[in-house]
Every structure is written in structure tokens, then in C-alpha cells.
C-alpha atoms as a PDB file:
ATOM      1  CA  MET A   1      53.220 -18.916  -1.456  1.00  0.00           C
ATOM      2  CA  SER A   2      50.955 -17.400  -4.379  1.00  0.00           C
ATOM      3  CA  ASN A   3      51.961 -13.969  -5.827  1.00  0.00           C
ATOM      4  CA  SER A   4      49.325 -11.312  -6.707  1.00  0.00           C
ATOM      5  CA  SER A   5      50.595 -11.611 -10.550  1.00  0.00           C
ATOM      6  CA  SER A   6      49.361 -15.274 -10.416  1.00  0.00           C
ATOM      7  CA  LEU A   7      45.869 -14.479  -9.527  1.00  0.00           C
ATOM      8  CA  ASN A   8      43.094 -14.415 -12.157  1.00  0.00           C
ATOM      9  CA  GLU A   9      40.350 -13.267 -10.079  1.00  0.00           C
ATOM     10  CA  PHE A  10      39.075 -12.263  -6.665  1.00  0.00           C
ATOM     11  CA  LEU A  11      35.913 -13.416  -4.706  1.00  0.00           C
ATOM     12  CA  LEU A  12      33.780 -10.763  -3.306  1.00  0.00           C
ATOM     13  CA  LEU A  13      31.582 -10.923  -0.285  1.00  0.00           C
ATOM     14  CA  ALA A  14      28.152 -12.525  -0.818  1.00  0.00           C
ATOM     15  CA  PHE A  15      25.159 -10.719   0.826  1.00  0.00           C
ATOM     16  CA  ALA A  16      23.198 -14.065   1.116  1.00  0.00           C
ATOM     17  CA  ASP A  17      23.557 -17.626   0.561  1.00  0.00           C
ATOM     18  CA  THR A  18      19.761 -18.447  -0.360  1.00  0.00           C
ATOM     19  CA  ARG A  19      18.493 -17.452  -3.751  1.00  0.00           C
ATOM     20  CA  GLU A  20      15.424 -15.471  -2.155  1.00  0.00           C
ATOM     21  CA  LEU A  21      17.559 -13.540  -0.344  1.00  0.00           C
ATOM     22  CA  GLN A  22      19.952 -13.021  -3.371  1.00  0.00           C
ATOM     23  CA  LEU A  23      17.063 -11.680  -5.375  1.00  0.00           C
ATOM     24  CA  TRP A  24      16.054  -9.485  -2.344  1.00  0.00           C
ATOM     25  CA  HIS A  25      19.342  -7.821  -2.375  1.00  0.00           C
ATOM     26  CA  PHE A  26      19.230  -7.270  -6.088  1.00  0.00           C
ATOM     27  CA  SER A  27      15.883  -5.791  -5.917  1.00  0.00           C
ATOM     28  CA  LEU A  28      17.076  -3.424  -2.891  1.00  0.00           C
ATOM     29  CA  PHE A  29      20.153  -2.340  -4.694  1.00  0.00           C
ATOM     30  CA  LEU A  30      18.486  -1.953  -7.756  1.00  0.00           C
ATOM     31  CA  GLY A  31      15.806   0.345  -6.102  1.00  0.00           C
ATOM     32  CA  ILE A  32      18.786   2.351  -4.534  1.00  0.00           C
ATOM     33  CA  TYR A  33      20.971   2.597  -7.767  1.00  0.00           C
ATOM     34  CA  LEU A  34      17.789   3.918  -9.752  1.00  0.00           C
ATOM     35  CA  ALA A  35      16.898   6.497  -6.782  1.00  0.00           C
ATOM     36  CA  VAL A  36      20.778   7.903  -6.966  1.00  0.00           C
ATOM     37  CA  LEU A  37      20.502   7.846 -10.978  1.00  0.00           C
ATOM     38  CA  MET A  38      17.328   9.838 -10.776  1.00  0.00           C
ATOM     39  CA  GLY A  39      18.055  12.311  -7.947  1.00  0.00           C
ATOM     40  CA  ASN A  40      21.513  13.096  -9.373  1.00  0.00           C
ATOM     41  CA  GLY A  41      20.352  13.297 -12.885  1.00  0.00           C
ATOM     42  CA  LEU A  42      17.698  15.646 -12.279  1.00  0.00           C
ATOM     43  CA  ILE A  43      20.155  17.764 -10.583  1.00  0.00           C
ATOM     44  CA  ILE A  44      22.500  17.822 -13.548  1.00  0.00           C
ATOM     45  CA  THR A  45      19.630  18.376 -16.143  1.00  0.00           C
ATOM     46  CA  ALA A  46      18.192  21.199 -13.989  1.00  0.00           C
ATOM     47  CA  VAL A  47      21.598  22.934 -13.525  1.00  0.00           C
ATOM     48  CA  ALA A  48      22.427  22.296 -17.262  1.00  0.00           C
ATOM     49  CA  CYS A  49      19.240  23.456 -18.579  1.00  0.00           C
ATOM     50  CA  ASP A  50      17.917  26.223 -16.338  1.00  0.00           C
ATOM     51  CA  HIS A  51      20.139  29.255 -17.313  1.00  0.00           C
ATOM     52  CA  HIS A  52      19.205  30.800 -13.843  1.00  0.00           C
ATOM     53  CA  LEU A  53      21.186  28.181 -12.128  1.00  0.00           C
ATOM     54  CA  HIS A  54      24.482  28.942 -14.305  1.00  0.00           C
ATOM     55  CA  THR A  55      26.484  30.292 -11.253  1.00  0.00           C
ATOM     56  CA  PRO A  56      29.394  28.868  -9.561  1.00  0.00           C
ATOM     57  CA  MET A  57      27.556  27.201  -6.757  1.00  0.00           C
ATOM     58  CA  TYR A  58      25.491  25.208  -8.919  1.00  0.00           C
ATOM     59  CA  PHE A  59      28.134  24.554 -11.542  1.00  0.00           C
ATOM     60  CA  PHE A  60      30.204  22.571  -8.671  1.00  0.00           C
ATOM     61  CA  LEU A  61      26.893  21.178  -7.695  1.00  0.00           C
ATOM     62  CA  LEU A  62      26.824  19.545 -11.122  1.00  0.00           C
ATOM     63  CA  ASN A  63      30.062  18.112 -10.782  1.00  0.00           C
ATOM     64  CA  LEU A  64      29.523  16.742  -7.538  1.00  0.00           C
ATOM     65  CA  SER A  65      26.341  14.918  -8.701  1.00  0.00           C
ATOM     66  CA  VAL A  66      28.577  13.505 -11.452  1.00  0.00           C
ATOM     67  CA  LEU A  67      31.130  12.272  -9.100  1.00  0.00           C
ATOM     68  CA  ASP A  68      28.454  11.105  -7.089  1.00  0.00           C
ATOM     69  CA  LEU A  69      26.931   8.973 -10.054  1.00  0.00           C
ATOM     70  CA  GLY A  70      30.426   7.388 -10.613  1.00  0.00           C
ATOM     71  CA  SER A  71      30.786   6.614  -7.226  1.00  0.00           C
ATOM     72  CA  ILE A  72      27.668   4.342  -6.987  1.00  0.00           C
ATOM     73  CA  SER A  73      28.230   2.943 -10.330  1.00  0.00           C
ATOM     74  CA  ASN A  74      31.585   1.669  -9.463  1.00  0.00           C
ATOM     75  CA  SER A  75      30.466  -0.606  -6.685  1.00  0.00           C
ATOM     76  CA  VAL A  76      26.729  -1.065  -6.768  1.00  0.00           C
ATOM     77  CA  PRO A  77      26.152  -2.750 -10.258  1.00  0.00           C
ATOM     78  CA  LYS A  78      28.607  -5.418  -9.940  1.00  0.00           C
ATOM     79  CA  SER A  79      27.374  -6.474  -6.641  1.00  0.00           C
ATOM     80  CA  MET A  80      23.785  -6.512  -8.344  1.00  0.00           C
ATOM     81  CA  ALA A  81      24.943  -8.407 -11.125  1.00  0.00           C
ATOM     82  CA  ASN A  82      26.766 -10.832  -8.780  1.00  0.00           C
ATOM     83  CA  SER A  83      23.639 -11.507  -6.671  1.00  0.00           C
ATOM     84  CA  LEU A  84      21.283 -11.961  -9.847  1.00  0.00           C
ATOM     85  CA  TRP A  85      24.018 -14.534 -11.459  1.00  0.00           C
ATOM     86  CA  ASP A  86      24.599 -16.307  -7.947  1.00  0.00           C
ATOM     87  CA  THR A  87      28.455 -15.692  -8.223  1.00  0.00           C
ATOM     88  CA  ARG A  88      31.118 -13.743  -6.447  1.00  0.00           C
ATOM     89  CA  ALA A  89      33.777 -13.523  -8.690  1.00  0.00           C
ATOM     90  CA  ILE A  90      35.457 -10.223 -10.324  1.00  0.00           C
ATOM     91  CA  SER A  91      38.525 -10.389 -12.639  1.00  0.00           C
ATOM     92  CA  TYR A  92      41.848  -9.128 -11.326  1.00  0.00           C
ATOM     93  CA  SER A  93      41.669  -6.176 -13.763  1.00  0.00           C
ATOM     94  CA  GLY A  94      38.047  -5.348 -12.673  1.00  0.00           C
ATOM     95  CA  CYS A  95      39.351  -5.188  -9.275  1.00  0.00           C
ATOM     96  CA  ALA A  96      41.916  -2.888  -9.797  1.00  0.00           C
ATOM     97  CA  ALA A  97      39.814  -0.621 -11.746  1.00  0.00           C
ATOM     98  CA  GLN A  98      37.398  -0.455  -8.692  1.00  0.00           C
ATOM     99  CA  VAL A  99      40.114   0.358  -6.487  1.00  0.00           C
ATOM    100  CA  PHE A 100      41.293   3.009  -8.717  1.00  0.00           C
ATOM    101  CA  LEU A 101      38.062   4.721  -9.043  1.00  0.00           C
ATOM    102  CA  VAL A 102      36.985   4.558  -5.376  1.00  0.00           C
ATOM    103  CA  VAL A 103      40.526   6.469  -4.494  1.00  0.00           C
ATOM    104  CA  PHE A 104      40.157   8.568  -7.607  1.00  0.00           C
ATOM    105  CA  LEU A 105      36.194   9.507  -6.456  1.00  0.00           C
ATOM    106  CA  PHE A 106      36.923   9.873  -3.067  1.00  0.00           C
ATOM    107  CA  SER A 107      39.836  12.182  -3.769  1.00  0.00           C
ATOM    108  CA  ALA A 108      38.042  14.311  -6.319  1.00  0.00           C
ATOM    109  CA  GLU A 109      35.025  14.592  -4.139  1.00  0.00           C
ATOM    110  CA  LEU A 110      36.866  15.757  -1.124  1.00  0.00           C
ATOM    111  CA  SER A 111      38.889  18.238  -3.124  1.00  0.00           C
ATOM    112  CA  LEU A 112      35.474  19.521  -4.765  1.00  0.00           C
ATOM    113  CA  LEU A 113      33.896  19.886  -1.568  1.00  0.00           C
ATOM    114  CA  THR A 114      36.866  22.004  -0.212  1.00  0.00           C
ATOM    115  CA  VAL A 115      36.579  24.152  -3.687  1.00  0.00           C
ATOM    116  CA  MET A 116      32.746  24.718  -2.779  1.00  0.00           C
ATOM    117  CA  ALA A 117      33.595  25.563   0.831  1.00  0.00           C
ATOM    118  CA  TYR A 118      35.840  28.460  -1.076  1.00  0.00           C
ATOM    119  CA  ASP A 119      32.955  29.475  -3.374  1.00  0.00           C
ATOM    120  CA  ARG A 120      30.886  30.221  -0.343  1.00  0.00           C
ATOM    121  CA  TYR A 121      33.654  31.769   1.522  1.00  0.00           C
ATOM    122  CA  VAL A 122      34.256  34.423  -1.386  1.00  0.00           C
ATOM    123  CA  ALA A 123      30.562  34.850  -2.062  1.00  0.00           C
ATOM    124  CA  ILE A 124      29.948  35.757   1.747  1.00  0.00           C
ATOM    125  CA  CYS A 125      33.323  37.114   2.896  1.00  0.00           C
ATOM    126  CA  ARG A 126      34.448  38.925  -0.142  1.00  0.00           C
ATOM    127  CA  PRO A 127      31.296  39.702  -2.280  1.00  0.00           C
ATOM    128  CA  LEU A 128      32.789  42.758  -4.016  1.00  0.00           C
ATOM    129  CA  HIS A 129      35.593  40.349  -5.378  1.00  0.00           C
ATOM    130  CA  TYR A 130      33.365  37.384  -6.358  1.00  0.00           C
ATOM    131  CA  GLY A 131      32.831  38.121 -10.065  1.00  0.00           C
ATOM    132  CA  THR A 132      36.598  38.407 -10.279  1.00  0.00           C
ATOM    133  CA  LEU A 133      37.893  35.314  -8.282  1.00  0.00           C
ATOM    134  CA  MET A 134      34.894  33.232  -9.215  1.00  0.00           C
ATOM    135  CA  GLY A 135      34.650  33.856 -13.025  1.00  0.00           C
ATOM    136  CA  THR A 136      33.731  31.361 -15.388  1.00  0.00           C
ATOM    137  CA  ARG A 137      37.203  30.470 -16.482  1.00  0.00           C
ATOM    138  CA  ALA A 138      38.366  30.205 -12.755  1.00  0.00           C
ATOM    139  CA  CYS A 139      35.614  27.851 -11.863  1.00  0.00           C
ATOM    140  CA  VAL A 140      36.141  25.531 -14.621  1.00  0.00           C
ATOM    141  CA  LYS A 141      40.200  25.372 -13.897  1.00  0.00           C
ATOM    142  CA  MET A 142      39.056  24.935  -9.983  1.00  0.00           C
ATOM    143  CA  ALA A 143      36.818  22.004 -11.009  1.00  0.00           C
ATOM    144  CA  ALA A 144      39.476  20.293 -13.279  1.00  0.00           C
ATOM    145  CA  ALA A 145      42.083  20.671 -10.714  1.00  0.00           C
ATOM    146  CA  ALA A 146      39.721  18.989  -8.136  1.00  0.00           C
ATOM    147  CA  CYS A 147      38.823  15.999 -10.303  1.00  0.00           C
ATOM    148  CA  ALA A 148      42.777  15.731 -11.664  1.00  0.00           C
ATOM    149  CA  SER A 149      43.885  15.717  -7.858  1.00  0.00           C
ATOM    150  CA  GLY A 150      42.607  12.203  -7.627  1.00  0.00           C
ATOM    151  CA  PHE A 151      44.131  10.798 -10.708  1.00  0.00           C
ATOM    152  CA  PRO A 152      48.086  10.479  -9.620  1.00  0.00           C
ATOM    153  CA  ASN A 153      46.479   9.523  -6.110  1.00  0.00           C
ATOM    154  CA  ALA A 154      44.664   6.648  -7.502  1.00  0.00           C
ATOM    155  CA  VAL A 155      47.564   5.595  -9.639  1.00  0.00           C
ATOM    156  CA  LEU A 156      49.636   5.238  -6.901  1.00  0.00           C
ATOM    157  CA  HIS A 157      47.404   3.572  -4.492  1.00  0.00           C
ATOM    158  CA  THR A 158      46.294   1.058  -7.182  1.00  0.00           C
ATOM    159  CA  ALA A 159      49.862   0.367  -8.433  1.00  0.00           C
ATOM    160  CA  ASN A 160      51.271   0.238  -4.954  1.00  0.00           C
ATOM    161  CA  THR A 161      48.360  -2.144  -3.536  1.00  0.00           C
ATOM    162  CA  PHE A 162      48.530  -4.681  -6.814  1.00  0.00           C
ATOM    163  CA  SER A 163      52.482  -4.915  -6.504  1.00  0.00           C
ATOM    164  CA  ILE A 164      52.135  -6.400  -2.930  1.00  0.00           C
ATOM    165  CA  PRO A 165      52.532 -10.276  -2.852  1.00  0.00           C
ATOM    166  CA  LEU A 166      48.933 -12.009  -1.818  1.00  0.00           C
ATOM    167  CA  CYS A 167      49.434 -15.082   0.144  1.00  0.00           C
ATOM    168  CA  GLN A 168      46.289 -15.342   2.012  1.00  0.00           C
ATOM    169  CA  GLY A 169      43.617 -16.492  -0.701  1.00  0.00           C
ATOM    170  CA  ASN A 170      41.753 -14.250  -3.063  1.00  0.00           C
ATOM    171  CA  THR A 171      38.737 -13.787  -0.985  1.00  0.00           C
ATOM    172  CA  VAL A 172      37.921  -9.906  -0.337  1.00  0.00           C
ATOM    173  CA  ASP A 173      35.364  -9.540   2.783  1.00  0.00           C
ATOM    174  CA  GLN A 174      33.565  -6.805   1.000  1.00  0.00           C
ATOM    175  CA  PHE A 175      31.145  -6.380  -1.825  1.00  0.00           C
ATOM    176  CA  PHE A 176      33.603  -4.463  -3.785  1.00  0.00           C
ATOM    177  CA  CYS A 177      37.463  -4.428  -4.033  1.00  0.00           C
ATOM    178  CA  GLU A 178      38.597  -2.179  -1.362  1.00  0.00           C
ATOM    179  CA  ILE A 179      42.020  -1.745  -0.081  1.00  0.00           C
ATOM    180  CA  PRO A 180      41.886  -2.426   3.741  1.00  0.00           C
ATOM    181  CA  GLN A 181      40.460  -5.640   2.556  1.00  0.00           C
ATOM    182  CA  ILE A 182      42.948  -6.563   0.060  1.00  0.00           C
ATOM    183  CA  LEU A 183      45.662  -5.716   2.633  1.00  0.00           C
ATOM    184  CA  LYS A 184      44.510  -8.339   4.729  1.00  0.00           C
ATOM    185  CA  LEU A 185      45.435 -11.118   1.691  1.00  0.00           C
ATOM    186  CA  SER A 186      48.956  -9.547   1.795  1.00  0.00           C
ATOM    187  CA  CYS A 187      52.092 -11.466   2.942  1.00  0.00           C
ATOM    188  CA  SER A 188      54.034 -10.579   6.352  1.00  0.00           C
ATOM    189  CA  ASP A 189      54.886  -6.950   6.524  1.00  0.00           C
ATOM    190  CA  SER A 190      54.710  -6.110   2.768  1.00  0.00           C
ATOM    191  CA  TYR A 191      51.752  -4.116   3.317  1.00  0.00           C
ATOM    192  CA  LEU A 192      53.356  -1.342   5.281  1.00  0.00           C
ATOM    193  CA  ARG A 193      54.235   0.724   2.376  1.00  0.00           C
ATOM    194  CA  GLU A 194      50.766   1.023   1.269  1.00  0.00           C
ATOM    195  CA  VAL A 195      49.586   1.721   4.820  1.00  0.00           C
ATOM    196  CA  GLY A 196      52.156   4.770   4.754  1.00  0.00           C
ATOM    197  CA  LEU A 197      50.417   5.791   1.688  1.00  0.00           C
ATOM    198  CA  LEU A 198      47.136   5.597   3.441  1.00  0.00           C
ATOM    199  CA  VAL A 199      48.377   7.884   6.126  1.00  0.00           C
ATOM    200  CA  ALA A 200      49.760  10.277   3.781  1.00  0.00           C
ATOM    201  CA  GLY A 201      46.336  10.394   2.118  1.00  0.00           C
ATOM    202  CA  ALA A 202      44.720  10.819   5.563  1.00  0.00           C
ATOM    203  CA  CYS A 203      47.194  13.813   6.199  1.00  0.00           C
ATOM    204  CA  LEU A 204      46.008  15.620   3.142  1.00  0.00           C
ATOM    205  CA  ALA A 205      42.493  14.918   3.423  1.00  0.00           C
ATOM    206  CA  SER A 206      42.802  16.201   7.241  1.00  0.00           C
ATOM    207  CA  GLY A 207      44.209  19.356   5.641  1.00  0.00           C
ATOM    208  CA  CYS A 208      41.036  19.820   3.111  1.00  0.00           C
ATOM    209  CA  PHE A 209      38.918  19.283   6.224  1.00  0.00           C
ATOM    210  CA  ILE A 210      40.616  22.192   8.311  1.00  0.00           C
ATOM    211  CA  PHE A 211      40.455  24.304   5.441  1.00  0.00           C
ATOM    212  CA  ILE A 212      36.457  23.811   5.026  1.00  0.00           C
ATOM    213  CA  VAL A 213      36.334  24.354   8.994  1.00  0.00           C
ATOM    214  CA  LEU A 214      38.204  27.567   9.030  1.00  0.00           C
ATOM    215  CA  SER A 215      36.055  28.656   5.915  1.00  0.00           C
ATOM    216  CA  TYR A 216      32.783  28.352   7.748  1.00  0.00           C
ATOM    217  CA  VAL A 217      34.174  29.900  11.064  1.00  0.00           C
ATOM    218  CA  GLN A 218      34.867  32.895   8.927  1.00  0.00           C
ATOM    219  CA  ILE A 219      31.580  32.701   7.010  1.00  0.00           C
ATOM    220  CA  PHE A 220      29.406  32.183  10.266  1.00  0.00           C
ATOM    221  CA  THR A 221      31.330  35.206  11.888  1.00  0.00           C
ATOM    222  CA  ALA A 222      30.358  37.357   8.839  1.00  0.00           C
ATOM    223  CA  VAL A 223      26.898  35.994   9.042  1.00  0.00           C
ATOM    224  CA  LEU A 224      26.260  37.060  12.524  1.00  0.00           C
ATOM    225  CA  ARG A 225      27.511  40.599  11.609  1.00  0.00           C
ATOM    226  CA  ILE A 226      24.342  40.809   8.964  1.00  0.00           C
ATOM    227  CA  PRO A 227      21.830  43.191  10.956  1.00  0.00           C
ATOM    228  CA  SER A 228      18.563  41.702   8.889  1.00  0.00           C
ATOM    229  CA  GLU A 229      17.223  38.414  10.068  1.00  0.00           C
ATOM    230  CA  GLN A 230      15.611  37.709   6.463  1.00  0.00           C
ATOM    231  CA  GLY A 231      19.307  38.315   5.001  1.00  0.00           C
ATOM    232  CA  ARG A 232      20.912  35.979   7.511  1.00  0.00           C
ATOM    233  CA  ARG A 233      18.181  33.326   6.802  1.00  0.00           C
ATOM    234  CA  LYS A 234      19.002  33.816   3.232  1.00  0.00           C
ATOM    235  CA  VAL A 235      22.834  32.985   3.525  1.00  0.00           C
ATOM    236  CA  PHE A 236      22.509  29.981   5.901  1.00  0.00           C
ATOM    237  CA  SER A 237      20.055  28.750   3.152  1.00  0.00           C
ATOM    238  CA  THR A 238      22.830  28.603   0.761  1.00  0.00           C
ATOM    239  CA  CYS A 239      25.515  27.326   3.057  1.00  0.00           C
ATOM    240  CA  LEU A 240      23.900  24.687   5.366  1.00  0.00           C
ATOM    241  CA  PRO A 241      23.174  22.217   2.375  1.00  0.00           C
ATOM    242  CA  HIS A 242      26.923  22.061   1.557  1.00  0.00           C
ATOM    243  CA  LEU A 243      27.819  21.747   5.174  1.00  0.00           C
ATOM    244  CA  ALA A 244      25.527  19.057   5.874  1.00  0.00           C
ATOM    245  CA  VAL A 245      27.153  17.216   2.587  1.00  0.00           C
ATOM    246  CA  VAL A 246      30.409  17.808   4.072  1.00  0.00           C
ATOM    247  CA  SER A 247      29.388  16.342   7.490  1.00  0.00           C
ATOM    248  CA  LEU A 248      28.056  13.357   5.955  1.00  0.00           C
ATOM    249  CA  PHE A 249      30.838  12.549   3.732  1.00  0.00           C
ATOM    250  CA  VAL A 250      33.436  13.161   6.491  1.00  0.00           C
ATOM    251  CA  SER A 251      31.687  11.074   9.332  1.00  0.00           C
ATOM    252  CA  THR A 252      31.078   8.238   7.163  1.00  0.00           C
ATOM    253  CA  ALA A 253      34.663   8.028   6.081  1.00  0.00           C
ATOM    254  CA  VAL A 254      36.199   8.896   8.935  1.00  0.00           C
ATOM    255  CA  PHE A 255      34.176   6.311  10.970  1.00  0.00           C
ATOM    256  CA  ALA A 256      35.181   3.712   8.407  1.00  0.00           C
ATOM    257  CA  CYS A 257      38.804   4.405   8.840  1.00  0.00           C
ATOM    258  CA  LEU A 258      38.917   4.853  12.697  1.00  0.00           C
ATOM    259  CA  LYS A 259      36.458   2.100  13.925  1.00  0.00           C
ATOM    260  CA  PRO A 260      38.344   0.051  16.704  1.00  0.00           C
ATOM    261  CA  PRO A 261      39.532  -3.268  15.378  1.00  0.00           C
ATOM    262  CA  SER A 262      37.801  -4.838  18.720  1.00  0.00           C
ATOM    263  CA  ILE A 263      34.711  -4.020  17.137  1.00  0.00           C
ATOM    264  CA  SER A 264      35.186  -5.201  13.760  1.00  0.00           C
ATOM    265  CA  SER A 265      33.196  -7.894  12.308  1.00  0.00           C
ATOM    266  CA  PRO A 266      32.256  -8.772   8.753  1.00  0.00           C
ATOM    267  CA  ALA A 267      28.708  -7.495   9.132  1.00  0.00           C
ATOM    268  CA  LEU A 268      29.702  -4.521  10.814  1.00  0.00           C
ATOM    269  CA  ASP A 269      32.482  -3.810   8.091  1.00  0.00           C
ATOM    270  CA  LEU A 270      29.813  -4.301   5.538  1.00  0.00           C
ATOM    271  CA  MET A 271      27.113  -1.838   7.098  1.00  0.00           C
ATOM    272  CA  VAL A 272      30.219   0.730   7.505  1.00  0.00           C
ATOM    273  CA  THR A 273      31.102   0.340   3.866  1.00  0.00           C
ATOM    274  CA  VAL A 274      27.563   0.611   2.371  1.00  0.00           C
ATOM    275  CA  LEU A 275      27.386   3.768   4.726  1.00  0.00           C
ATOM    276  CA  TYR A 276      30.110   5.552   3.059  1.00  0.00           C
ATOM    277  CA  SER A 277      29.592   4.410  -0.458  1.00  0.00           C
ATOM    278  CA  VAL A 278      25.903   4.130  -0.932  1.00  0.00           C
ATOM    279  CA  VAL A 279      24.381   6.504   1.639  1.00  0.00           C
ATOM    280  CA  PRO A 280      25.985   9.946   0.558  1.00  0.00           C
ATOM    281  CA  PRO A 281      25.004   9.606  -3.293  1.00  0.00           C
ATOM    282  CA  ILE A 282      21.546   9.229  -2.276  1.00  0.00           C
ATOM    283  CA  LEU A 283      21.367  11.919   0.179  1.00  0.00           C
ATOM    284  CA  ASN A 284      23.095  14.671  -1.305  1.00  0.00           C
ATOM    285  CA  PRO A 285      20.501  15.508  -3.940  1.00  0.00           C
ATOM    286  CA  LEU A 286      17.793  15.555  -1.093  1.00  0.00           C
ATOM    287  CA  ILE A 287      19.946  17.585   0.967  1.00  0.00           C
ATOM    288  CA  TYR A 288      20.686  20.293  -1.808  1.00  0.00           C
ATOM    289  CA  SER A 289      16.972  20.334  -2.861  1.00  0.00           C
ATOM    290  CA  MET A 290      15.196  20.583   0.469  1.00  0.00           C
ATOM    291  CA  ARG A 291      16.487  24.153   1.524  1.00  0.00           C
ATOM    292  CA  ASN A 292      17.171  25.645  -1.907  1.00  0.00           C
ATOM    293  CA  LYS A 293      14.046  27.354  -3.491  1.00  0.00           C
ATOM    294  CA  GLU A 294      15.892  28.026  -6.780  1.00  0.00           C
ATOM    295  CA  LEU A 295      17.022  24.290  -7.207  1.00  0.00           C
ATOM    296  CA  LYS A 296      13.336  23.129  -6.070  1.00  0.00           C
ATOM    297  CA  ASP A 297      12.053  25.388  -8.723  1.00  0.00           C
ATOM    298  CA  ALA A 298      14.126  24.540 -11.580  1.00  0.00           C
ATOM    299  CA  LEU A 299      13.517  20.631 -10.520  1.00  0.00           C
ATOM    300  CA  ARG A 300       9.916  21.060 -10.754  1.00  0.00           C
ATOM    301  CA  LYS A 301      10.152  22.537 -14.397  1.00  0.00           C
ATOM    302  CA  VAL A 302      12.246  19.747 -15.610  1.00  0.00           C
ATOM    303  CA  THR A 303       9.957  17.280 -14.033  1.00  0.00           C
ATOM    304  CA  LEU A 304       6.902  18.879 -15.473  1.00  0.00           C
ATOM    305  CA  THR A 305       8.453  19.113 -18.864  1.00  0.00           C
ATOM    306  CA  PHE A 306       9.505  15.397 -18.854  1.00  0.00           C
ATOM    307  CA  PHE A 307       6.147  14.395 -17.961  1.00  0.00           C
ATOM    308  CA  SER A 308       4.382  16.885 -20.408  1.00  0.00           C
ATOM    309  CA  SER A 309       6.805  15.788 -23.128  1.00  0.00           C
ATOM    310  CA  GLY A 310       5.915  11.908 -22.158  1.00  0.00           C
ATOM    311  CA  ASN A 311       2.153  12.731 -22.426  1.00  0.00           C
ATOM    312  CA  ILE A 312       2.425  14.414 -25.834  1.00  0.00           C
ATOM    313  CA  GLY A 313       4.783  11.480 -27.030  1.00  0.00           C
ATOM    314  CA  ILE A 314       1.982   8.928 -25.969  1.00  0.00           C
ATOM    315  CA  ALA A 315      -0.777  11.161 -27.317  1.00  0.00           C
ATOM    316  CA  LEU A 316       0.994  11.339 -30.805  1.00  0.00           C
ATOM    317  CA  HIS A 317       1.556   7.410 -30.796  1.00  0.00           C
ATOM    318  CA  LYS A 318      -2.023   6.881 -30.090  1.00  0.00           C
END
């Protein structure tokens, strides 16, 4: 019986066996990764450079984009490299780092989405107190607390997962190291402690979700009291992107956790994991930029500045 301490590496799930399909997978993930880098990078640049966007809502959006970049960078580049070099291996420490970052970034993003719901609640339901409750120092503290909340959770889950004896080989049936897949390699009932931690984490996540739902119940109640249709439309335009991002984030995560074992298969597990780990970082920038005129104007300025500076550079080079 092998113990986890004797393992030097894990073998990740390969998307394809033939060289042509491996290169196709590499190209597909490369395109997705570059799209995420560009979309979230533009939002970070626009918020940082445009003083009109130096407000709590956009400050939290900047932090969300940073977390999205970290989330996709944790899993996709390694999978791309494995396909390119025709290998499945990931080191033991690399696998532990992936598990830590998955839990840390997921926890931090959920906490940040909860803070963003609170920001919208204060802005709409308590506008006279907004400047006091959502001042610069308060926003920095809330963003820092949201990110820091994921750290102890990640340490606890990572330490506990890799302290469990593994006796079912070292093949992880996923394209990155995921706790449920590692638990499948454990011996007998030694994984129950980690299952308990996962349940406790799910309860905390449910608390965040309930807070978001209650915030939006009060927000929509306040919005319906606004006599002007234009005023209601303006308020909805600031709330709906966040609500759409929360719905996307929660629905993909819930489906991944609660899908019935009877329909489980390697192909379905892979599709669900791609759904919750890759799709949100792609769609979040699109969701926020589609209905937000201020952000679209700022993104347009950043894009025009980038291309104009590029043309100037080319002209000078010539």
C-alpha cells in the first residue's frame, strides 16, 4: 500500500491521445487563455487609468478581474504545456499548489461577490450613507478581507487532502488537480475528514449566497419604488451585470458539486470542470462591459490609446 508521501508526481487526464488532437487542444486553450488575458487585462487597465472609474463598484470589479486571471492561470497553462510536450505528469508540489490556489481563489471570489452585493445594497438602499460606509479605506479593507478569507480555507483543505493516505495509484481523472478526484485515490474511509471540511465549506458558501439573495430582494424592492422609468433602468444597469456574474459562478459550481453520481463519467466530469473553471473568467468581462456605458467608454479609450501608440511606435521605427 503506497502512501501519499511516497508519490513524486501525479498523472493528469489527457484530452487526446493522437498528436493532432493534442495540438488542437493546445490551440483551443491558448485562444481561450489569450481571450481571458485580454478581456480582464483591459478591464484592469481601464479601471486603473480612468479616474471616472475610481469608485467602489469598479474597484471591486478590478479585484474580480485579478482573481479571474489567477483562476484560469492556475489550471489552463499546465494543461496546455502537457498537450504541447505530450506528457501527463505534474509534480507532487505542483499538484498541491493547484489545490491550494483552486480553493483560495474560489473562496476569495465568492467573498468578493458578496462584498459587491453589499456595495450595490448600500448604493441603492442607503444612498445617504454611501460615502461613509463605502469610503476608500473601507473598500480596501473589505477587498483585503475577501481575499484573506480564502487563505486559511485553502491551507486547511490542502494540508488535509495531502495528509490522506493514497493507495489507488496516482492518476487524477481531471486536467488539473481537484480535491474530489484526489479523494478517489484515498484508502478506505480516510477521506471522510476532508468530506466534512467540504460540507462545512459548502455551508459557508451557502451563507454568502443567502446574503447576496437577501441583498437583491431589498435592492429590487427599492428599485420598484423609483417613479422614473429612466431611473429604474439606470439602477438595473448597475445591478444586472453583477447578478449575472453571481448566477454564472454559483450555477456552475453547484452543478459541479451536486450532479448525481449515476450520470457521472470522465467526459461529463471534464466538461463540468471546464464549465466552472474556464467559462466564468471568459464571460465576466463581457457581462460587465455589455450593459455598462462608463466601462465601455473607458475600454474604448484604452483600446484607442493602445493602437494609436502602436502606430506611433511603428512610424518612429520606420
